[in-house]
Amino acid sequence: MLDFPGCAACIVWIAGCNMRCGYCHNPQIVLGKGSIGEGAVMDFLTRRRGLLDGVVLSGGEATTWSGLANFAEKVKAMGFAIKLDTNGLRPDVITRLLEAQLLDRIALDYKAPRAKFAEVTGVTAWRRFNSTLDMLCAQGTVRFEVRTTVHTDLLNEDDILTIAKDLAARGYRGRYAIQMAVIEPDRPTLAPLAPPHRQLDINQLQQHSPLELIFR
């Protein structure tokens, strides 16, 4: 009831990822090979027609799966709405899904401003993310939300405001979601990060952001 606004949805977690964010709380999905096949997922969805409204394609990073478009076509043909959670590193895949009218909503992870992008994500792929962000801001058909996960040892208030100002300059008019990284002893992360040493100054961010912020 939470991941796909307006829909009762299930989440399909697709194994594999093209980033290596240290705070990632799905290391078994990022580094794993998956535990069930496409057929089992389709059987699950068949049994839930009329009970669920939508399907969230998440991960890992869903766009790394070569079969994503074909799978999305089958899910759409069953009458489900589709939301894609993505890090934006495959603008070609996202463009194909949009052109085929397979997506109803997108959540885009803006991991860090350009100066810290490689440090936070573990990859030097800003140009590909930048291409996706430009493309999504230019289209007006599919609603999308931008969000950032924050570990305050990696990102600070200035970084968040840099992102918010960049989004506003590109014409993004949606809400900008901030979610704190969760570091707990019984919840493994991709890298052995300690809990954040401090929380964000929410008042400072709300006062200076050109966009409406929501905190999760």
N, C-alpha and C. Protein backbone atom coordinates (compact mmCIF):
# COMPACT_ATOMS: atom_id res chain seq x y z
N MET A 1 0.82 -1.22 0.00
CA MET A 1 0.00 0.00 0.00
C MET A 1 0.85 1.27 0.00
N LEU A 2 2.18 1.15 0.15
CA LEU A 2 3.04 2.31 0.31
C LEU A 2 3.91 2.60 -0.92
N ASP A 3 4.37 1.57 -1.60
CA ASP A 3 5.40 1.76 -2.62
C ASP A 3 4.89 2.32 -3.94
N PHE A 4 3.61 2.14 -4.22
CA PHE A 4 3.03 2.60 -5.48
C PHE A 4 1.83 3.46 -5.13
N PRO A 5 1.99 4.79 -5.07
CA PRO A 5 0.90 5.67 -4.66
C PRO A 5 -0.38 5.42 -5.43
N GLY A 6 -1.47 5.22 -4.70
CA GLY A 6 -2.77 5.01 -5.32
C GLY A 6 -3.05 3.59 -5.73
N CYS A 7 -2.10 2.69 -5.50
CA CYS A 7 -2.27 1.29 -5.92
C CYS A 7 -1.95 0.34 -4.78
N ALA A 8 -2.71 -0.75 -4.73
CA ALA A 8 -2.28 -1.91 -3.94
C ALA A 8 -1.36 -2.71 -4.85
N ALA A 9 -0.11 -2.85 -4.45
CA ALA A 9 0.88 -3.41 -5.38
C ALA A 9 1.79 -4.42 -4.69
N CYS A 10 2.39 -5.26 -5.51
CA CYS A 10 3.47 -6.13 -5.04
C CYS A 10 4.78 -5.59 -5.61
N ILE A 11 5.89 -6.02 -5.02
CA ILE A 11 7.21 -5.60 -5.49
C ILE A 11 7.93 -6.81 -6.05
N VAL A 12 8.44 -6.67 -7.26
CA VAL A 12 9.30 -7.69 -7.86
C VAL A 12 10.74 -7.20 -7.73
N TRP A 13 11.52 -7.90 -6.90
CA TRP A 13 12.91 -7.52 -6.66
C TRP A 13 13.79 -8.24 -7.68
N ILE A 14 14.42 -7.48 -8.54
CA ILE A 14 15.23 -8.06 -9.62
C ILE A 14 16.70 -8.03 -9.20
N ALA A 15 17.34 -9.20 -9.25
CA ALA A 15 18.71 -9.32 -8.76
C ALA A 15 19.71 -8.63 -9.68
N GLY A 16 20.79 -8.14 -9.06
CA GLY A 16 21.85 -7.49 -9.81
C GLY A 16 21.74 -5.98 -9.75
N CYS A 17 22.87 -5.30 -9.81
CA CYS A 17 22.87 -3.83 -9.79
C CYS A 17 24.15 -3.33 -10.43
N ASN A 18 24.07 -2.16 -11.05
CA ASN A 18 25.23 -1.53 -11.67
C ASN A 18 25.80 -0.41 -10.82
N MET A 19 25.40 -0.35 -9.55
CA MET A 19 26.01 0.55 -8.56
C MET A 19 26.45 -0.26 -7.35
N ARG A 20 27.28 0.36 -6.53
CA ARG A 20 27.76 -0.27 -5.31
C ARG A 20 27.70 0.72 -4.15
N CYS A 21 26.49 1.19 -3.85
CA CYS A 21 26.30 2.15 -2.76
C CYS A 21 26.52 1.44 -1.42
N GLY A 22 27.41 1.96 -0.60
CA GLY A 22 27.77 1.28 0.63
C GLY A 22 26.63 1.08 1.60
N TYR A 23 25.67 2.01 1.63
CA TYR A 23 24.57 1.92 2.57
C TYR A 23 23.44 1.01 2.10
N CYS A 24 23.58 0.42 0.90
CA CYS A 24 22.52 -0.43 0.34
C CYS A 24 22.14 -1.52 1.33
N HIS A 25 20.84 -1.65 1.60
CA HIS A 25 20.37 -2.65 2.56
C HIS A 25 19.85 -3.91 1.87
N ASN A 26 20.14 -4.04 0.57
CA ASN A 26 19.76 -5.25 -0.17
C ASN A 26 21.00 -5.94 -0.78
N PRO A 27 22.06 -6.16 0.01
CA PRO A 27 23.27 -6.75 -0.60
C PRO A 27 23.04 -8.12 -1.21
N GLN A 28 22.11 -8.89 -0.64
CA GLN A 28 21.84 -10.22 -1.17
C GLN A 28 21.18 -10.14 -2.54
N ILE A 29 20.47 -9.04 -2.81
CA ILE A 29 19.85 -8.85 -4.13
C ILE A 29 20.86 -8.27 -5.11
N VAL A 30 21.65 -7.31 -4.64
CA VAL A 30 22.65 -6.68 -5.50
C VAL A 30 23.69 -7.69 -5.98
N LEU A 31 24.15 -8.56 -5.09
CA LEU A 31 25.22 -9.49 -5.41
C LEU A 31 24.72 -10.88 -5.79
N GLY A 32 23.43 -11.15 -5.57
CA GLY A 32 22.89 -12.48 -5.79
C GLY A 32 22.41 -12.72 -7.20
N LYS A 33 21.88 -13.92 -7.44
CA LYS A 33 21.41 -14.33 -8.76
C LYS A 33 19.89 -14.48 -8.81
N GLY A 34 19.21 -14.20 -7.73
CA GLY A 34 17.77 -14.37 -7.70
C GLY A 34 17.39 -15.76 -7.23
N SER A 35 16.21 -15.86 -6.63
CA SER A 35 15.80 -17.14 -6.04
C SER A 35 14.59 -17.76 -6.73
N ILE A 36 13.86 -17.00 -7.54
CA ILE A 36 12.72 -17.54 -8.28
C ILE A 36 12.79 -17.05 -9.72
N GLY A 37 12.16 -17.77 -10.60
CA GLY A 37 12.20 -17.43 -12.02
C GLY A 37 10.99 -16.62 -12.45
N GLU A 38 11.02 -16.18 -13.71
CA GLU A 38 9.94 -15.36 -14.25
C GLU A 38 8.61 -16.10 -14.23
N GLY A 39 8.64 -17.41 -14.49
CA GLY A 39 7.41 -18.18 -14.51
C GLY A 39 6.71 -18.16 -13.17
N ALA A 40 7.47 -18.27 -12.09
CA ALA A 40 6.87 -18.26 -10.75
C ALA A 40 6.24 -16.91 -10.46
N VAL A 41 6.87 -15.84 -10.92
CA VAL A 41 6.30 -14.51 -10.72
C VAL A 41 5.00 -14.36 -11.49
N MET A 42 4.98 -14.84 -12.73
CA MET A 42 3.77 -14.74 -13.53
C MET A 42 2.63 -15.56 -12.91
N ASP A 43 2.96 -16.72 -12.35
CA ASP A 43 1.94 -17.52 -11.66
C ASP A 43 1.38 -16.77 -10.47
N PHE A 44 2.27 -16.10 -9.73
CA PHE A 44 1.86 -15.30 -8.57
C PHE A 44 0.90 -14.20 -9.00
N LEU A 45 1.26 -13.50 -10.08
CA LEU A 45 0.42 -12.39 -10.55
C LEU A 45 -0.91 -12.89 -11.10
N THR A 46 -0.90 -14.02 -11.74
CA THR A 46 -2.15 -14.58 -12.26
C THR A 46 -3.14 -14.83 -11.13
N ARG A 47 -2.64 -15.33 -10.01
CA ARG A 47 -3.51 -15.62 -8.87
C ARG A 47 -4.02 -14.35 -8.19
N ARG A 48 -3.38 -13.23 -8.48
CA ARG A 48 -3.75 -11.98 -7.80
C ARG A 48 -4.41 -10.96 -8.71
N ARG A 49 -4.81 -11.39 -9.88
CA ARG A 49 -5.58 -10.50 -10.75
C ARG A 49 -6.90 -10.18 -10.06
N GLY A 50 -7.23 -8.90 -10.02
CA GLY A 50 -8.43 -8.46 -9.33
C GLY A 50 -8.19 -8.14 -7.87
N LEU A 51 -7.05 -8.54 -7.33
CA LEU A 51 -6.70 -8.23 -5.94
C LEU A 51 -5.65 -7.14 -5.86
N LEU A 52 -4.71 -7.15 -6.79
CA LEU A 52 -3.67 -6.12 -6.85
C LEU A 52 -3.92 -5.19 -8.03
N ASP A 53 -3.52 -3.92 -7.85
CA ASP A 53 -3.66 -2.95 -8.94
C ASP A 53 -2.37 -2.80 -9.74
N GLY A 54 -1.23 -2.98 -9.06
CA GLY A 54 0.02 -2.66 -9.72
C GLY A 54 1.18 -3.54 -9.31
N VAL A 55 2.28 -3.38 -10.06
CA VAL A 55 3.51 -4.10 -9.81
C VAL A 55 4.65 -3.09 -9.80
N VAL A 56 5.48 -3.16 -8.76
CA VAL A 56 6.67 -2.31 -8.67
C VAL A 56 7.87 -3.14 -9.10
N LEU A 57 8.61 -2.65 -10.07
CA LEU A 57 9.83 -3.30 -10.53
C LEU A 57 11.01 -2.63 -9.85
N SER A 58 11.65 -3.35 -8.93
CA SER A 58 12.71 -2.76 -8.12
C SER A 58 13.90 -3.71 -8.08
N GLY A 59 14.81 -3.48 -7.15
CA GLY A 59 16.00 -4.33 -7.10
C GLY A 59 16.85 -4.06 -5.87
N GLY A 60 18.18 -4.22 -5.96
CA GLY A 60 18.97 -4.22 -7.16
C GLY A 60 18.61 -3.07 -8.10
N GLU A 61 18.86 -3.31 -9.35
CA GLU A 61 18.49 -2.35 -10.40
C GLU A 61 17.78 -3.09 -11.52
N ALA A 62 16.47 -2.85 -11.64
CA ALA A 62 15.64 -3.61 -12.57
C ALA A 62 16.11 -3.47 -14.02
N THR A 63 16.64 -2.30 -14.39
CA THR A 63 16.99 -2.08 -15.79
C THR A 63 18.24 -2.84 -16.22
N THR A 64 18.93 -3.51 -15.31
CA THR A 64 20.07 -4.33 -15.70
C THR A 64 19.63 -5.67 -16.27
N TRP A 65 18.35 -6.03 -16.10
CA TRP A 65 17.85 -7.31 -16.57
C TRP A 65 17.47 -7.20 -18.05
N SER A 66 18.08 -8.03 -18.87
CA SER A 66 17.83 -7.96 -20.31
C SER A 66 16.40 -8.32 -20.68
N GLY A 67 15.72 -9.06 -19.81
CA GLY A 67 14.35 -9.45 -20.10
C GLY A 67 13.29 -8.51 -19.55
N LEU A 68 13.70 -7.35 -19.06
CA LEU A 68 12.76 -6.46 -18.37
C LEU A 68 11.61 -6.01 -19.28
N ALA A 69 11.92 -5.56 -20.48
CA ALA A 69 10.87 -5.03 -21.37
C ALA A 69 9.84 -6.10 -21.71
N ASN A 70 10.30 -7.30 -22.03
CA ASN A 70 9.36 -8.38 -22.36
C ASN A 70 8.51 -8.75 -21.15
N PHE A 71 9.13 -8.77 -19.97
CA PHE A 71 8.38 -9.06 -18.76
C PHE A 71 7.34 -7.98 -18.50
N ALA A 72 7.73 -6.72 -18.66
CA ALA A 72 6.81 -5.61 -18.44
C ALA A 72 5.62 -5.69 -19.41
N GLU A 73 5.87 -6.09 -20.64
CA GLU A 73 4.78 -6.24 -21.61
C GLU A 73 3.76 -7.27 -21.13
N LYS A 74 4.24 -8.38 -20.60
CA LYS A 74 3.34 -9.43 -20.11
C LYS A 74 2.55 -8.94 -18.89
N VAL A 75 3.22 -8.24 -17.99
CA VAL A 75 2.55 -7.72 -16.79
C VAL A 75 1.48 -6.71 -17.18
N LYS A 76 1.82 -5.84 -18.11
CA LYS A 76 0.87 -4.82 -18.57
C LYS A 76 -0.34 -5.46 -19.24
N ALA A 77 -0.09 -6.52 -20.02
CA ALA A 77 -1.18 -7.21 -20.72
C ALA A 77 -2.14 -7.87 -19.74
N MET A 78 -1.66 -8.14 -18.51
CA MET A 78 -2.53 -8.73 -17.49
C MET A 78 -3.40 -7.68 -16.80
N GLY A 79 -3.18 -6.41 -17.13
CA GLY A 79 -4.00 -5.35 -16.57
C GLY A 79 -3.41 -4.62 -15.38
N PHE A 80 -2.15 -4.91 -15.06
CA PHE A 80 -1.52 -4.25 -13.92
C PHE A 80 -0.85 -2.94 -14.36
N ALA A 81 -0.93 -1.93 -13.48
CA ALA A 81 -0.11 -0.74 -13.66
C ALA A 81 1.32 -1.07 -13.22
N ILE A 82 2.31 -0.36 -13.77
CA ILE A 82 3.72 -0.67 -13.48
C ILE A 82 4.44 0.58 -13.00
N LYS A 83 5.14 0.42 -11.90
CA LYS A 83 6.04 1.47 -11.40
C LYS A 83 7.46 0.94 -11.46
N LEU A 84 8.39 1.77 -11.91
CA LEU A 84 9.80 1.40 -11.98
C LEU A 84 10.59 2.19 -10.97
N ASP A 85 11.33 1.49 -10.12
CA ASP A 85 12.32 2.11 -9.25
C ASP A 85 13.67 1.98 -9.94
N THR A 86 14.38 3.09 -10.15
CA THR A 86 15.60 3.01 -10.93
C THR A 86 16.66 4.00 -10.46
N ASN A 87 17.92 3.64 -10.69
CA ASN A 87 19.02 4.57 -10.42
C ASN A 87 19.38 5.40 -11.63
N GLY A 88 18.75 5.14 -12.77
CA GLY A 88 18.92 5.99 -13.93
C GLY A 88 20.13 5.71 -14.80
N LEU A 89 20.85 4.62 -14.55
CA LEU A 89 22.06 4.37 -15.34
C LEU A 89 21.81 3.71 -16.69
N ARG A 90 20.54 3.37 -16.99
CA ARG A 90 20.22 2.79 -18.29
C ARG A 90 19.15 3.63 -18.98
N PRO A 91 19.53 4.84 -19.44
CA PRO A 91 18.54 5.69 -20.13
C PRO A 91 17.96 5.02 -21.36
N ASP A 92 18.71 4.13 -22.02
CA ASP A 92 18.21 3.43 -23.20
C ASP A 92 17.04 2.52 -22.84
N VAL A 93 17.17 1.80 -21.73
CA VAL A 93 16.10 0.88 -21.31
C VAL A 93 14.86 1.67 -20.89
N ILE A 94 15.08 2.74 -20.11
CA ILE A 94 13.95 3.54 -19.63
C ILE A 94 13.22 4.19 -20.80
N THR A 95 13.97 4.68 -21.78
CA THR A 95 13.36 5.27 -22.96
C THR A 95 12.51 4.25 -23.71
N ARG A 96 13.04 3.04 -23.84
CA ARG A 96 12.28 1.98 -24.53
C ARG A 96 10.97 1.67 -23.79
N LEU A 97 11.03 1.60 -22.47
CA LEU A 97 9.83 1.31 -21.69
C LEU A 97 8.80 2.43 -21.82
N LEU A 98 9.27 3.67 -21.83
CA LEU A 98 8.36 4.80 -21.97
C LEU A 98 7.74 4.83 -23.36
N GLU A 99 8.55 4.62 -24.38
CA GLU A 99 8.04 4.65 -25.75
C GLU A 99 7.00 3.56 -25.98
N ALA A 100 7.16 2.43 -25.29
CA ALA A 100 6.21 1.33 -25.43
C ALA A 100 5.01 1.50 -24.51
N GLN A 101 4.96 2.60 -23.77
CA GLN A 101 3.86 2.92 -22.85
C GLN A 101 3.66 1.80 -21.81
N LEU A 102 4.77 1.33 -21.26
CA LEU A 102 4.72 0.25 -20.29
C LEU A 102 4.81 0.74 -18.84
N LEU A 103 5.11 2.01 -18.65
CA LEU A 103 5.29 2.53 -17.31
C LEU A 103 4.19 3.52 -16.94
N ASP A 104 3.73 3.44 -15.70
CA ASP A 104 2.72 4.36 -15.18
C ASP A 104 3.29 5.31 -14.15
N ARG A 105 4.43 4.96 -13.59
CA ARG A 105 5.07 5.81 -12.59
C ARG A 105 6.54 5.40 -12.47
N ILE A 106 7.39 6.37 -12.11
CA ILE A 106 8.82 6.11 -11.95
C ILE A 106 9.30 6.76 -10.66
N ALA A 107 10.17 6.07 -9.95
CA ALA A 107 10.91 6.67 -8.83
C ALA A 107 12.38 6.64 -9.21
N LEU A 108 12.99 7.82 -9.27
CA LEU A 108 14.39 7.95 -9.69
C LEU A 108 15.25 8.28 -8.49
N ASP A 109 16.27 7.47 -8.25
CA ASP A 109 17.21 7.74 -7.16
C ASP A 109 18.31 8.68 -7.64
N TYR A 110 18.33 9.87 -7.07
CA TYR A 110 19.40 10.84 -7.33
C TYR A 110 20.39 10.65 -6.19
N LYS A 111 21.40 9.85 -6.42
CA LYS A 111 22.25 9.36 -5.34
C LYS A 111 23.11 10.45 -4.69
N ALA A 112 23.60 11.38 -5.50
CA ALA A 112 24.52 12.39 -4.99
C ALA A 112 24.75 13.44 -6.07
N PRO A 113 25.16 14.65 -5.68
CA PRO A 113 25.53 15.63 -6.70
C PRO A 113 26.75 15.14 -7.48
N ARG A 114 26.98 15.74 -8.61
CA ARG A 114 28.03 15.25 -9.51
C ARG A 114 29.39 15.11 -8.82
N ALA A 115 29.74 16.05 -7.96
CA ALA A 115 31.06 16.03 -7.32
C ALA A 115 31.25 14.82 -6.41
N LYS A 116 30.16 14.25 -5.91
CA LYS A 116 30.26 13.12 -4.99
C LYS A 116 29.65 11.84 -5.57
N PHE A 117 29.25 11.88 -6.82
CA PHE A 117 28.51 10.76 -7.40
C PHE A 117 29.32 9.46 -7.36
N ALA A 118 30.57 9.51 -7.79
CA ALA A 118 31.39 8.31 -7.82
C ALA A 118 31.67 7.80 -6.42
N GLU A 119 31.90 8.71 -5.49
CA GLU A 119 32.18 8.31 -4.11
C GLU A 119 31.00 7.56 -3.50
N VAL A 120 29.80 8.05 -3.74
CA VAL A 120 28.61 7.45 -3.13
C VAL A 120 28.20 6.17 -3.84
N THR A 121 28.27 6.16 -5.17
CA THR A 121 27.73 5.03 -5.94
C THR A 121 28.76 3.95 -6.27
N GLY A 122 30.04 4.29 -6.18
CA GLY A 122 31.08 3.34 -6.54
C GLY A 122 31.30 3.19 -8.03
N VAL A 123 30.66 4.04 -8.84
CA VAL A 123 30.82 3.97 -10.30
C VAL A 123 30.97 5.38 -10.87
N THR A 124 31.66 5.47 -12.00
CA THR A 124 31.81 6.75 -12.69
C THR A 124 30.85 6.78 -13.86
N ALA A 125 29.58 7.05 -13.55
CA ALA A 125 28.55 6.96 -14.59
C ALA A 125 27.60 8.16 -14.53
N TRP A 126 28.09 9.31 -14.12
CA TRP A 126 27.24 10.49 -14.00
C TRP A 126 26.55 10.83 -15.32
N ARG A 127 27.25 10.71 -16.43
CA ARG A 127 26.68 11.12 -17.72
C ARG A 127 25.42 10.32 -18.04
N ARG A 128 25.42 9.04 -17.75
CA ARG A 128 24.24 8.22 -18.03
C ARG A 128 23.07 8.62 -17.13
N PHE A 129 23.37 8.84 -15.85
CA PHE A 129 22.30 9.31 -14.95
C PHE A 129 21.78 10.66 -15.41
N ASN A 130 22.68 11.55 -15.77
CA ASN A 130 22.31 12.89 -16.22
C ASN A 130 21.40 12.83 -17.44
N SER A 131 21.69 11.90 -18.35
CA SER A 131 20.86 11.73 -19.54
C SER A 131 19.45 11.29 -19.17
N THR A 132 19.35 10.35 -18.23
CA THR A 132 18.03 9.89 -17.79
C THR A 132 17.26 11.03 -17.13
N LEU A 133 17.90 11.78 -16.27
CA LEU A 133 17.23 12.87 -15.57
C LEU A 133 16.73 13.92 -16.55
N ASP A 134 17.54 14.29 -17.52
CA ASP A 134 17.10 15.25 -18.54
C ASP A 134 15.89 14.72 -19.30
N MET A 135 15.95 13.45 -19.67
CA MET A 135 14.86 12.85 -20.45
C MET A 135 13.56 12.83 -19.65
N LEU A 136 13.62 12.45 -18.37
CA LEU A 136 12.42 12.39 -17.55
C LEU A 136 11.84 13.77 -17.29
N CYS A 137 12.70 14.75 -17.10
CA CYS A 137 12.20 16.11 -16.88
C CYS A 137 11.57 16.69 -18.14
N ALA A 138 12.02 16.25 -19.30
CA ALA A 138 11.50 16.78 -20.56
C ALA A 138 10.15 16.17 -20.93
N GLN A 139 9.88 14.93 -20.47
CA GLN A 139 8.61 14.29 -20.82
C GLN A 139 7.55 14.66 -19.79
N GLY A 140 6.33 14.65 -20.22
CA GLY A 140 5.26 15.02 -19.30
C GLY A 140 4.16 13.99 -19.20
N THR A 141 4.44 12.79 -19.64
CA THR A 141 3.42 11.75 -19.71
C THR A 141 3.35 10.91 -18.43
N VAL A 142 4.50 10.49 -17.95
CA VAL A 142 4.57 9.59 -16.80
C VAL A 142 5.06 10.35 -15.57
N ARG A 143 4.30 10.27 -14.49
CA ARG A 143 4.70 10.94 -13.25
C ARG A 143 5.95 10.26 -12.69
N PHE A 144 6.87 11.08 -12.20
CA PHE A 144 8.04 10.50 -11.56
C PHE A 144 8.43 11.31 -10.33
N GLU A 145 8.99 10.59 -9.39
CA GLU A 145 9.45 11.19 -8.13
C GLU A 145 10.96 11.03 -8.04
N VAL A 146 11.62 12.05 -7.54
CA VAL A 146 13.05 11.98 -7.30
C VAL A 146 13.29 11.83 -5.80
N ARG A 147 14.22 10.96 -5.45
CA ARG A 147 14.49 10.70 -4.05
C ARG A 147 15.99 10.50 -3.84
N THR A 148 16.43 10.79 -2.63
CA THR A 148 17.84 10.60 -2.26
C THR A 148 17.91 9.91 -0.91
N THR A 149 18.70 8.85 -0.84
CA THR A 149 19.01 8.22 0.44
C THR A 149 20.24 8.90 1.02
N VAL A 150 20.17 9.28 2.29
CA VAL A 150 21.23 10.09 2.89
C VAL A 150 21.87 9.37 4.06
N HIS A 151 23.17 9.20 3.97
CA HIS A 151 24.01 8.85 5.12
C HIS A 151 24.86 10.10 5.35
N THR A 152 24.73 10.72 6.52
CA THR A 152 25.34 12.04 6.71
C THR A 152 26.86 12.00 6.83
N ASP A 153 27.45 10.81 6.82
CA ASP A 153 28.91 10.74 6.67
C ASP A 153 29.32 10.91 5.22
N LEU A 154 28.33 10.80 4.30
CA LEU A 154 28.61 10.91 2.87
C LEU A 154 28.02 12.18 2.25
N LEU A 155 26.82 12.56 2.68
CA LEU A 155 26.13 13.73 2.14
C LEU A 155 25.72 14.66 3.27
N ASN A 156 25.77 15.97 3.01
CA ASN A 156 25.34 16.95 4.01
C ASN A 156 24.23 17.83 3.44
N GLU A 157 23.85 18.84 4.21
CA GLU A 157 22.75 19.71 3.79
C GLU A 157 23.06 20.44 2.49
N ASP A 158 24.29 20.88 2.33
CA ASP A 158 24.66 21.57 1.09
C ASP A 158 24.50 20.66 -0.13
N ASP A 159 24.82 19.38 0.03
CA ASP A 159 24.66 18.44 -1.07
C ASP A 159 23.19 18.28 -1.46
N ILE A 160 22.33 18.18 -0.44
CA ILE A 160 20.90 18.03 -0.72
C ILE A 160 20.35 19.27 -1.41
N LEU A 161 20.77 20.44 -0.97
CA LEU A 161 20.31 21.68 -1.60
C LEU A 161 20.86 21.82 -3.01
N THR A 162 22.08 21.34 -3.24
CA THR A 162 22.64 21.34 -4.59
C THR A 162 21.77 20.50 -5.52
N ILE A 163 21.34 19.33 -5.05
CA ILE A 163 20.47 18.47 -5.85
C ILE A 163 19.13 19.15 -6.10
N ALA A 164 18.54 19.72 -5.04
CA ALA A 164 17.23 20.36 -5.18
C ALA A 164 17.30 21.52 -6.18
N LYS A 165 18.35 22.31 -6.14
CA LYS A 165 18.50 23.42 -7.06
C LYS A 165 18.71 22.94 -8.49
N ASP A 166 19.46 21.84 -8.64
CA ASP A 166 19.67 21.26 -9.97
C ASP A 166 18.34 20.78 -10.54
N LEU A 167 17.55 20.11 -9.72
CA LEU A 167 16.24 19.62 -10.18
C LEU A 167 15.34 20.78 -10.61
N ALA A 168 15.31 21.82 -9.79
CA ALA A 168 14.47 22.98 -10.12
C ALA A 168 14.92 23.63 -11.42
N ALA A 169 16.23 23.72 -11.62
CA ALA A 169 16.76 24.33 -12.84
C ALA A 169 16.40 23.52 -14.08
N ARG A 170 16.23 22.22 -13.93
CA ARG A 170 15.87 21.36 -15.05
C ARG A 170 14.36 21.36 -15.33
N GLY A 171 13.59 22.00 -14.47
CA GLY A 171 12.16 22.06 -14.67
C GLY A 171 11.37 21.05 -13.88
N TYR A 172 12.03 20.31 -12.98
CA TYR A 172 11.31 19.34 -12.15
C TYR A 172 10.42 20.09 -11.16
N ARG A 173 9.16 19.70 -11.08
CA ARG A 173 8.22 20.40 -10.21
C ARG A 173 7.55 19.46 -9.21
N GLY A 174 8.04 18.24 -9.13
CA GLY A 174 7.48 17.30 -8.16
C GLY A 174 8.09 17.49 -6.79
N ARG A 175 7.69 16.63 -5.87
CA ARG A 175 8.27 16.66 -4.54
C ARG A 175 9.61 15.92 -4.56
N TYR A 176 10.50 16.36 -3.71
CA TYR A 176 11.82 15.75 -3.60
C TYR A 176 11.87 15.00 -2.27
N ALA A 177 12.03 13.69 -2.33
CA ALA A 177 11.94 12.83 -1.15
C ALA A 177 13.33 12.55 -0.59
N ILE A 178 13.47 12.73 0.72
CA ILE A 178 14.73 12.45 1.42
C ILE A 178 14.47 11.29 2.37
N GLN A 179 15.28 10.25 2.27
CA GLN A 179 15.15 9.12 3.18
C GLN A 179 16.51 8.81 3.79
N MET A 180 16.54 8.62 5.10
CA MET A 180 17.79 8.38 5.80
C MET A 180 18.22 6.93 5.65
N ALA A 181 19.50 6.72 5.44
CA ALA A 181 20.05 5.36 5.39
C ALA A 181 19.85 4.68 6.74
N VAL A 182 19.45 3.43 6.70
CA VAL A 182 19.21 2.67 7.93
C VAL A 182 20.40 1.73 8.16
N ILE A 183 21.12 1.96 9.25
CA ILE A 183 22.27 1.14 9.60
C ILE A 183 22.00 0.51 10.96
N GLU A 184 21.76 -0.79 10.97
CA GLU A 184 21.46 -1.49 12.20
C GLU A 184 22.27 -2.78 12.27
N PRO A 185 22.61 -3.23 13.48
CA PRO A 185 23.46 -4.44 13.62
C PRO A 185 22.89 -5.68 12.96
N ASP A 186 21.56 -5.82 12.97
CA ASP A 186 20.94 -7.02 12.41
C ASP A 186 20.43 -6.80 10.99
N ARG A 187 20.86 -5.70 10.36
CA ARG A 187 20.42 -5.39 8.99
C ARG A 187 21.66 -5.10 8.15
N PRO A 188 22.25 -6.10 7.51
CA PRO A 188 23.51 -5.91 6.80
C PRO A 188 23.40 -4.94 5.63
N THR A 189 24.46 -4.19 5.41
CA THR A 189 24.54 -3.29 4.27
C THR A 189 25.69 -3.75 3.37
N LEU A 190 25.76 -3.19 2.17
CA LEU A 190 26.75 -3.63 1.20
C LEU A 190 28.17 -3.37 1.70
N ALA A 191 28.37 -2.23 2.37
CA ALA A 191 29.67 -1.92 2.98
C ALA A 191 29.49 -1.82 4.49
N PRO A 192 30.53 -2.08 5.26
CA PRO A 192 30.41 -2.03 6.73
C PRO A 192 30.40 -0.60 7.26
N LEU A 193 29.34 0.12 6.97
CA LEU A 193 29.24 1.51 7.42
C LEU A 193 28.74 1.57 8.85
N ALA A 194 29.25 2.55 9.59
CA ALA A 194 28.73 2.82 10.92
C ALA A 194 27.46 3.66 10.79
N PRO A 195 26.60 3.67 11.81
CA PRO A 195 25.42 4.55 11.76
C PRO A 195 25.85 6.00 11.57
N PRO A 196 25.02 6.82 10.93
CA PRO A 196 25.36 8.23 10.76
C PRO A 196 25.65 8.90 12.10
N HIS A 197 26.63 9.78 12.10
CA HIS A 197 27.00 10.46 13.34
C HIS A 197 26.04 11.58 13.73
N ARG A 198 25.20 12.01 12.78
CA ARG A 198 24.25 13.07 13.08
C ARG A 198 23.08 12.97 12.12
N GLN A 199 22.01 13.68 12.41
CA GLN A 199 20.86 13.76 11.53
C GLN A 199 20.93 15.03 10.68
N LEU A 200 20.15 15.07 9.64
CA LEU A 200 20.08 16.27 8.80
C LEU A 200 19.36 17.40 9.54
N ASP A 201 19.73 18.63 9.21
CA ASP A 201 19.03 19.80 9.73
C ASP A 201 17.84 20.06 8.81
N ILE A 202 16.71 19.50 9.19
CA ILE A 202 15.52 19.58 8.35
C ILE A 202 15.04 21.02 8.17
N ASN A 203 15.12 21.81 9.22
CA ASN A 203 14.68 23.21 9.12
C ASN A 203 15.50 23.98 8.09
N GLN A 204 16.81 23.76 8.08
CA GLN A 204 17.66 24.44 7.11
C GLN A 204 17.29 24.03 5.69
N LEU A 205 17.04 22.75 5.50
CA LEU A 205 16.70 22.27 4.17
C LEU A 205 15.37 22.83 3.70
N GLN A 206 14.37 22.82 4.56
CA GLN A 206 13.06 23.34 4.17
C GLN A 206 13.10 24.84 3.90
N GLN A 207 13.93 25.54 4.61
CA GLN A 207 14.01 26.99 4.45
C GLN A 207 14.65 27.38 3.11
N HIS A 208 15.61 26.57 2.63
CA HIS A 208 16.39 26.99 1.47
C HIS A 208 16.11 26.19 0.20
N SER A 209 15.37 25.12 0.31
CA SER A 209 15.11 24.30 -0.89
C SER A 209 14.11 24.98 -1.82
N PRO A 210 14.36 24.99 -3.12
CA PRO A 210 13.37 25.55 -4.07
C PRO A 210 12.23 24.57 -4.36
N LEU A 211 12.34 23.35 -3.86
CA LEU A 211 11.32 22.33 -4.07
C LEU A 211 10.68 21.93 -2.76
N GLU A 212 9.47 21.39 -2.84
CA GLU A 212 8.85 20.82 -1.66
C GLU A 212 9.58 19.54 -1.28
N LEU A 213 9.98 19.45 -0.02
CA LEU A 213 10.70 18.28 0.46
C LEU A 213 9.78 17.40 1.29
N ILE A 214 9.96 16.08 1.16
CA ILE A 214 9.28 15.17 2.07
C ILE A 214 10.34 14.27 2.67
N PHE A 215 10.19 13.98 3.96
CA PHE A 215 11.19 13.19 4.69
C PHE A 215 10.58 11.86 5.11
N ARG A 216 11.32 10.79 4.83
CA ARG A 216 10.81 9.45 5.12
C ARG A 216 11.73 8.73 6.09
